Amino acid sequence: MNWQEYEDETTEDIIEYIKMKGDDGFEKAAQAAFHVFCFRFGEDLVKKCEVICKNNGLDKQVATMISQRTFHRFWKYPKYNHEKSRAADHDTGVKFYLYRIAQRELINWRNEQNSPYTGEEDIVYKMPEPNYDNYAVEKRGILKKRYEIVKKALERLSEKHRIIYLTYEAHFVEGHNLPGHLLKRLRAELNLTQSSVRFYRHQANEKIKEYIEIYG
């Protein structure tokens, strides 16, 4: 579809077309409208990203990349609501909205650069068999006892509790969230929201803490 057909549409209508991207027969119209959207706000967004990046000691290449990530995020989640904006008109409101996304995307990108994760992390369904070969004899006894306590505690919990606990134990690094791809898989496979995942993890940790206090 020729994107130029949408050049004269208002920003409000352009966004409505983009929001229809999942509707039958509207995907091409949404893509054409998004092309206009990027053309309409691209230059301004890049300039803003250059300022943001310069203030953080980063160059124009990073600024361009952050602007691209910002538009990608908007395409994926076109949730702009002018009623929640303090701007007088849609164009100004959208600019401020994109600036906020850009700030978050810069934070996300920097976190990715410092991430301890490889992208190969996967869900853990069962407790792995422990290997104590590299520990002294005294330490082995302590670890074996703790292993049995944790195993007993997990047997008292639901399968969702066990999977969440074991996955976090296998991959969690202090100071970092689990990688997004892994959290997404957990939510989809267990049919839970992210807040529910956190709640299940908390419950599992509390149960194991309780068992260690009793049997440890």
C-alpha atoms as a PDB file:
ATOM      1  CA  MET A   1       0.000   0.000   0.000  1.00  0.00           C
ATOM      2  CA  ASN A   2       1.273   3.467  -0.904  1.00  0.00           C
ATOM      3  CA  TRP A   3       2.186   5.164   2.384  1.00  0.00           C
ATOM      4  CA  GLN A   4       1.836   8.580   0.739  1.00  0.00           C
ATOM      5  CA  GLU A   5      -1.928   8.092   0.783  1.00  0.00           C
ATOM      6  CA  TYR A   6      -1.727   8.682   4.557  1.00  0.00           C
ATOM      7  CA  GLU A   7       0.507  11.751   4.518  1.00  0.00           C
ATOM      8  CA  ASP A   8      -2.364  14.158   5.130  1.00  0.00           C
ATOM      9  CA  GLU A   9      -3.986  12.107   7.892  1.00  0.00           C
ATOM     10  CA  THR A  10      -3.918  13.573  11.399  1.00  0.00           C
ATOM     11  CA  THR A  11      -1.565  12.053  13.931  1.00  0.00           C
ATOM     12  CA  GLU A  12      -4.586  10.902  15.890  1.00  0.00           C
ATOM     13  CA  ASP A  13      -5.899   8.950  12.893  1.00  0.00           C
ATOM     14  CA  ILE A  14      -2.434   7.621  12.015  1.00  0.00           C
ATOM     15  CA  ILE A  15      -2.152   6.082  15.475  1.00  0.00           C
ATOM     16  CA  GLU A  16      -5.610   4.555  15.167  1.00  0.00           C
ATOM     17  CA  TYR A  17      -4.549   2.890  11.907  1.00  0.00           C
ATOM     18  CA  ILE A  18      -1.431   1.530  13.599  1.00  0.00           C
ATOM     19  CA  LYS A  19      -3.521   0.105  16.426  1.00  0.00           C
ATOM     20  CA  MET A  20      -5.505  -1.869  13.819  1.00  0.00           C
ATOM     21  CA  LYS A  21      -2.413  -3.836  12.708  1.00  0.00           C
ATOM     22  CA  GLY A  22      -3.795  -7.056  14.168  1.00  0.00           C
ATOM     23  CA  ASP A  23      -7.194  -6.757  12.505  1.00  0.00           C
ATOM     24  CA  ASP A  24      -7.967  -8.767   9.374  1.00  0.00           C
ATOM     25  CA  GLY A  25      -7.350  -6.762   6.235  1.00  0.00           C
ATOM     26  CA  PHE A  26      -5.707  -3.809   7.974  1.00  0.00           C
ATOM     27  CA  GLU A  27      -2.079  -4.946   8.319  1.00  0.00           C
ATOM     28  CA  LYS A  28      -0.867  -3.149   5.181  1.00  0.00           C
ATOM     29  CA  ALA A  29      -2.763   0.000   6.088  1.00  0.00           C
ATOM     30  CA  ALA A  30      -1.201  -0.096   9.556  1.00  0.00           C
ATOM     31  CA  GLN A  31       2.277  -0.534   8.080  1.00  0.00           C
ATOM     32  CA  ALA A  32       1.743   2.378   5.693  1.00  0.00           C
ATOM     33  CA  ALA A  33       0.464   4.550   8.541  1.00  0.00           C
ATOM     34  CA  PHE A  34       3.463   3.576  10.664  1.00  0.00           C
ATOM     35  CA  HIS A  35       5.781   4.606   7.829  1.00  0.00           C
ATOM     36  CA  VAL A  36       4.172   8.045   7.878  1.00  0.00           C
ATOM     37  CA  PHE A  37       4.392   8.113  11.670  1.00  0.00           C
ATOM     38  CA  CYS A  38       8.158   7.430  11.586  1.00  0.00           C
ATOM     39  CA  PHE A  39       8.677  10.013   8.846  1.00  0.00           C
ATOM     40  CA  ARG A  40       6.637  12.586  10.762  1.00  0.00           C
ATOM     41  CA  PHE A  41       8.458  12.200  14.092  1.00  0.00           C
ATOM     42  CA  GLY A  42      11.777  10.647  13.042  1.00  0.00           C
ATOM     43  CA  GLU A  43      13.905  13.776  12.698  1.00  0.00           C
ATOM     44  CA  ASP A  44      12.718  15.228  15.988  1.00  0.00           C
ATOM     45  CA  LEU A  45      13.199  11.920  17.818  1.00  0.00           C
ATOM     46  CA  VAL A  46      16.739  11.432  16.505  1.00  0.00           C
ATOM     47  CA  LYS A  47      17.705  14.939  17.659  1.00  0.00           C
ATOM     48  CA  LYS A  48      16.261  14.242  21.103  1.00  0.00           C
ATOM     49  CA  CYS A  49      18.082  10.898  21.293  1.00  0.00           C
ATOM     50  CA  GLU A  50      21.331  12.622  20.341  1.00  0.00           C
ATOM     51  CA  VAL A  51      20.893  15.000  23.277  1.00  0.00           C
ATOM     52  CA  ILE A  52      20.024  12.136  25.641  1.00  0.00           C
ATOM     53  CA  CYS A  53      22.996  10.085  24.478  1.00  0.00           C
ATOM     54  CA  LYS A  54      25.423  13.023  24.572  1.00  0.00           C
ATOM     55  CA  ASN A  55      24.422  13.653  28.188  1.00  0.00           C
ATOM     56  CA  ASN A  56      25.301  10.021  28.884  1.00  0.00           C
ATOM     57  CA  GLY A  57      28.641  10.096  27.069  1.00  0.00           C
ATOM     58  CA  LEU A  58      27.352   8.199  24.027  1.00  0.00           C
ATOM     59  CA  ASP A  59      27.717   8.982  20.322  1.00  0.00           C
ATOM     60  CA  LYS A  60      25.278   9.603  17.474  1.00  0.00           C
ATOM     61  CA  GLN A  61      25.373   5.968  16.360  1.00  0.00           C
ATOM     62  CA  VAL A  62      23.862   4.930  19.673  1.00  0.00           C
ATOM     63  CA  ALA A  63      21.328   7.751  19.360  1.00  0.00           C
ATOM     64  CA  THR A  64      20.184   6.454  15.972  1.00  0.00           C
ATOM     65  CA  MET A  65      19.900   2.949  17.350  1.00  0.00           C
ATOM     66  CA  ILE A  66      17.866   4.153  20.360  1.00  0.00           C
ATOM     67  CA  SER A  67      15.482   6.041  18.066  1.00  0.00           C
ATOM     68  CA  GLN A  68      14.989   2.863  16.017  1.00  0.00           C
ATOM     69  CA  ARG A  69      14.311   0.865  19.160  1.00  0.00           C
ATOM     70  CA  THR A  70      11.841   3.534  20.243  1.00  0.00           C
ATOM     71  CA  PHE A  71       9.850   3.289  17.022  1.00  0.00           C
ATOM     72  CA  HIS A  72       9.990  -0.508  17.188  1.00  0.00           C
ATOM     73  CA  ARG A  73       8.579  -0.331  20.694  1.00  0.00           C
ATOM     74  CA  PHE A  74       5.787   1.982  19.579  1.00  0.00           C
ATOM     75  CA  TRP A  75       4.876  -0.324  16.691  1.00  0.00           C
ATOM     76  CA  LYS A  76       4.714  -3.246  19.074  1.00  0.00           C
ATOM     77  CA  TYR A  77       2.747  -1.347  21.721  1.00  0.00           C
ATOM     78  CA  PRO A  78       0.915   1.637  20.142  1.00  0.00           C
ATOM     79  CA  LYS A  79      -0.701   2.668  23.405  1.00  0.00           C
ATOM     80  CA  TYR A  80      -0.526   6.443  23.242  1.00  0.00           C
ATOM     81  CA  ASN A  81      -3.595   7.976  24.876  1.00  0.00           C
ATOM     82  CA  HIS A  82      -3.902  11.735  24.432  1.00  0.00           C
ATOM     83  CA  GLU A  83      -6.351  11.993  27.326  1.00  0.00           C
ATOM     84  CA  LYS A  84      -3.493  11.081  29.668  1.00  0.00           C
ATOM     85  CA  SER A  85      -1.189  13.696  28.143  1.00  0.00           C
ATOM     86  CA  ARG A  86      -0.842  17.271  29.340  1.00  0.00           C
ATOM     87  CA  ALA A  87       0.083  18.425  25.844  1.00  0.00           C
ATOM     88  CA  ALA A  88      -2.266  20.766  24.006  1.00  0.00           C
ATOM     89  CA  ASP A  89      -2.156  18.820  20.738  1.00  0.00           C
ATOM     90  CA  HIS A  90      -1.516  15.254  19.581  1.00  0.00           C
ATOM     91  CA  ASP A  91       1.810  15.938  17.866  1.00  0.00           C
ATOM     92  CA  THR A  92       3.357  17.473  20.983  1.00  0.00           C
ATOM     93  CA  GLY A  93       1.906  14.758  23.173  1.00  0.00           C
ATOM     94  CA  VAL A  94       3.310  12.032  20.928  1.00  0.00           C
ATOM     95  CA  LYS A  95       6.764  13.658  20.962  1.00  0.00           C
ATOM     96  CA  PHE A  96       6.853  13.658  24.754  1.00  0.00           C
ATOM     97  CA  TYR A  97       5.577  10.073  24.767  1.00  0.00           C
ATOM     98  CA  LEU A  98       8.347   8.965  22.395  1.00  0.00           C
ATOM     99  CA  TYR A  99      10.949  10.792  24.500  1.00  0.00           C
ATOM    100  CA  ARG A 100       9.908   8.749  27.549  1.00  0.00           C
ATOM    101  CA  ILE A 101      10.149   5.531  25.560  1.00  0.00           C
ATOM    102  CA  ALA A 102      13.607   6.567  24.335  1.00  0.00           C
ATOM    103  CA  GLN A 103      14.779   7.151  27.915  1.00  0.00           C
ATOM    104  CA  ARG A 104      13.617   3.658  28.883  1.00  0.00           C
ATOM    105  CA  GLU A 105      15.139   2.097  25.790  1.00  0.00           C
ATOM    106  CA  LEU A 106      18.492   3.661  26.603  1.00  0.00           C
ATOM    107  CA  ILE A 107      18.320   2.161  30.090  1.00  0.00           C
ATOM    108  CA  ASN A 108      17.333  -1.215  28.627  1.00  0.00           C
ATOM    109  CA  TRP A 109      20.167  -1.087  26.107  1.00  0.00           C
ATOM    110  CA  ARG A 110      22.763  -0.243  28.758  1.00  0.00           C
ATOM    111  CA  ASN A 111      21.496  -3.088  30.927  1.00  0.00           C
ATOM    112  CA  GLU A 112      21.825  -5.433  27.968  1.00  0.00           C
ATOM    113  CA  GLN A 113      25.443  -4.369  27.475  1.00  0.00           C
ATOM    114  CA  ASN A 114      26.211  -5.294  31.089  1.00  0.00           C
ATOM    115  CA  SER A 115      24.006  -8.371  31.187  1.00  0.00           C
ATOM    116  CA  PRO A 116      25.508 -11.576  32.616  1.00  0.00           C
ATOM    117  CA  TYR A 117      23.083 -13.620  30.515  1.00  0.00           C
ATOM    118  CA  THR A 118      23.863 -15.295  27.187  1.00  0.00           C
ATOM    119  CA  GLY A 119      20.366 -15.686  25.731  1.00  0.00           C
ATOM    120  CA  GLU A 120      20.559 -19.468  26.052  1.00  0.00           C
ATOM    121  CA  GLU A 121      18.894 -19.611  29.476  1.00  0.00           C
ATOM    122  CA  ASP A 122      15.985 -22.053  29.656  1.00  0.00           C
ATOM    123  CA  ILE A 123      13.235 -23.106  32.047  1.00  0.00           C
ATOM    124  CA  VAL A 124      14.260 -25.674  34.676  1.00  0.00           C
ATOM    125  CA  TYR A 125      11.617 -28.299  35.449  1.00  0.00           C
ATOM    126  CA  LYS A 126      13.396 -30.684  37.810  1.00  0.00           C
ATOM    127  CA  MET A 127      16.009 -30.404  40.522  1.00  0.00           C
ATOM    128  CA  PRO A 128      19.373 -31.258  38.992  1.00  0.00           C
ATOM    129  CA  GLU A 129      21.362 -34.064  40.570  1.00  0.00           C
ATOM    130  CA  PRO A 130      24.069 -32.459  42.725  1.00  0.00           C
ATOM    131  CA  ASN A 131      27.776 -33.057  42.259  1.00  0.00           C
ATOM    132  CA  TYR A 132      29.857 -32.745  45.420  1.00  0.00           C
ATOM    133  CA  ASP A 133      33.186 -33.937  44.010  1.00  0.00           C
ATOM    134  CA  ASN A 134      34.880 -30.550  44.371  1.00  0.00           C
ATOM    135  CA  TYR A 135      33.932 -30.099  48.038  1.00  0.00           C
ATOM    136  CA  ALA A 136      35.599 -31.262  51.206  1.00  0.00           C
ATOM    137  CA  VAL A 137      33.974 -34.163  53.056  1.00  0.00           C
ATOM    138  CA  GLU A 138      32.555 -31.930  55.812  1.00  0.00           C
ATOM    139  CA  LYS A 139      31.063 -29.531  53.276  1.00  0.00           C
ATOM    140  CA  ARG A 140      29.499 -32.379  51.315  1.00  0.00           C
ATOM    141  CA  GLY A 141      27.459 -33.415  54.322  1.00  0.00           C
ATOM    142  CA  ILE A 142      26.095 -29.901  54.790  1.00  0.00           C
ATOM    143  CA  LEU A 143      25.228 -29.541  51.103  1.00  0.00           C
ATOM    144  CA  LYS A 144      23.555 -32.957  50.950  1.00  0.00           C
ATOM    145  CA  LYS A 145      21.402 -32.103  53.950  1.00  0.00           C
ATOM    146  CA  ARG A 146      20.386 -28.750  52.455  1.00  0.00           C
ATOM    147  CA  TYR A 147      19.600 -30.422  49.127  1.00  0.00           C
ATOM    148  CA  GLU A 148      17.226 -32.881  50.810  1.00  0.00           C
ATOM    149  CA  ILE A 149      15.538 -30.097  52.789  1.00  0.00           C
ATOM    150  CA  VAL A 150      14.944 -27.998  49.661  1.00  0.00           C
ATOM    151  CA  LYS A 151      13.716 -31.069  47.794  1.00  0.00           C
ATOM    152  CA  LYS A 152      11.258 -31.876  50.583  1.00  0.00           C
ATOM    153  CA  ALA A 153       9.993 -28.294  50.671  1.00  0.00           C
ATOM    154  CA  LEU A 154       9.465 -28.187  46.900  1.00  0.00           C
ATOM    155  CA  GLU A 155       7.487 -31.428  47.036  1.00  0.00           C
ATOM    156  CA  ARG A 156       4.952 -29.573  49.190  1.00  0.00           C
ATOM    157  CA  LEU A 157       4.478 -26.872  46.576  1.00  0.00           C
ATOM    158  CA  SER A 158       2.677 -26.788  43.239  1.00  0.00           C
ATOM    159  CA  GLU A 159       4.410 -27.516  39.960  1.00  0.00           C
ATOM    160  CA  LYS A 160       4.357 -23.811  39.099  1.00  0.00           C
ATOM    161  CA  HIS A 161       6.129 -22.979  42.362  1.00  0.00           C
ATOM    162  CA  ARG A 162       8.798 -25.591  41.675  1.00  0.00           C
ATOM    163  CA  ILE A 163       9.455 -24.490  38.099  1.00  0.00           C
ATOM    164  CA  ILE A 164       9.705 -20.825  39.036  1.00  0.00           C
ATOM    165  CA  TYR A 165      11.965 -21.503  42.028  1.00  0.00           C
ATOM    166  CA  LEU A 166      14.294 -23.841  40.111  1.00  0.00           C
ATOM    167  CA  THR A 167      14.514 -21.532  37.100  1.00  0.00           C
ATOM    168  CA  TYR A 168      15.449 -18.573  39.284  1.00  0.00           C
ATOM    169  CA  GLU A 169      17.946 -20.659  41.255  1.00  0.00           C
ATOM    170  CA  ALA A 170      19.615 -21.808  38.040  1.00  0.00           C
ATOM    171  CA  HIS A 171      19.888 -18.434  36.337  1.00  0.00           C
ATOM    172  CA  PHE A 172      19.331 -15.493  38.699  1.00  0.00           C
ATOM    173  CA  VAL A 173      22.292 -13.133  39.110  1.00  0.00           C
ATOM    174  CA  GLU A 174      22.181 -10.626  41.968  1.00  0.00           C
ATOM    175  CA  GLY A 175      21.527  -7.112  40.736  1.00  0.00           C
ATOM    176  CA  HIS A 176      19.885  -8.247  37.498  1.00  0.00           C
ATOM    177  CA  ASN A 177      16.432  -9.376  36.449  1.00  0.00           C
ATOM    178  CA  LEU A 178      16.126 -12.673  34.631  1.00  0.00           C
ATOM    179  CA  PRO A 179      16.509 -12.119  30.865  1.00  0.00           C
ATOM    180  CA  GLY A 180      13.346 -11.024  29.092  1.00  0.00           C
ATOM    181  CA  HIS A 181      13.134 -14.062  26.809  1.00  0.00           C
ATOM    182  CA  LEU A 182      13.143 -16.383  29.827  1.00  0.00           C
ATOM    183  CA  LEU A 183      10.529 -14.411  31.762  1.00  0.00           C
ATOM    184  CA  LYS A 184       8.349 -14.349  28.657  1.00  0.00           C
ATOM    185  CA  ARG A 185       8.560 -18.139  28.357  1.00  0.00           C
ATOM    186  CA  LEU A 186       7.745 -18.580  32.034  1.00  0.00           C
ATOM    187  CA  ARG A 187       4.665 -16.378  31.775  1.00  0.00           C
ATOM    188  CA  ALA A 188       3.439 -18.106  28.627  1.00  0.00           C
ATOM    189  CA  GLU A 189       4.094 -21.661  29.756  1.00  0.00           C
ATOM    190  CA  LEU A 190       2.656 -21.222  33.238  1.00  0.00           C
ATOM    191  CA  ASN A 191      -0.110 -18.849  32.130  1.00  0.00           C
ATOM    192  CA  LEU A 192       0.841 -16.259  34.739  1.00  0.00           C
ATOM    193  CA  THR A 193       1.384 -12.515  34.831  1.00  0.00           C
ATOM    194  CA  GLN A 194       4.804 -11.213  35.875  1.00  0.00           C
ATOM    195  CA  SER A 195       3.426 -10.134  39.254  1.00  0.00           C
ATOM    196  CA  SER A 196       2.118 -13.683  39.762  1.00  0.00           C
ATOM    197  CA  VAL A 197       5.532 -15.110  38.879  1.00  0.00           C
ATOM    198  CA  ARG A 198       7.079 -12.890  41.562  1.00  0.00           C
ATOM    199  CA  PHE A 199       4.416 -13.970  44.075  1.00  0.00           C
ATOM    200  CA  TYR A 200       4.953 -17.679  43.371  1.00  0.00           C
ATOM    201  CA  ARG A 201       8.698 -17.199  43.752  1.00  0.00           C
ATOM    202  CA  HIS A 202       8.180 -15.418  47.076  1.00  0.00           C
ATOM    203  CA  GLN A 203       5.953 -18.252  48.336  1.00  0.00           C
ATOM    204  CA  ALA A 204       8.510 -20.877  47.314  1.00  0.00           C
ATOM    205  CA  ASN A 205      11.344 -19.003  49.011  1.00  0.00           C
ATOM    206  CA  GLU A 206       9.292 -18.637  52.189  1.00  0.00           C
ATOM    207  CA  LYS A 207       8.464 -22.365  52.249  1.00  0.00           C
ATOM    208  CA  ILE A 208      12.117 -23.328  51.792  1.00  0.00           C
ATOM    209  CA  LYS A 209      13.185 -20.818  54.465  1.00  0.00           C
ATOM    210  CA  GLU A 210      10.629 -22.373  56.804  1.00  0.00           C
ATOM    211  CA  TYR A 211      11.922 -25.916  56.144  1.00  0.00           C
ATOM    212  CA  ILE A 212      15.544 -24.880  56.638  1.00  0.00           C
ATOM    213  CA  GLU A 213      14.635 -23.300  59.997  1.00  0.00           C
ATOM    214  CA  ILE A 214      12.825 -26.471  61.051  1.00  0.00           C
ATOM    215  CA  TYR A 215      15.147 -29.163  59.686  1.00  0.00           C
ATOM    216  CA  GLY A 216      18.399 -27.313  59.068  1.00  0.00           C
END
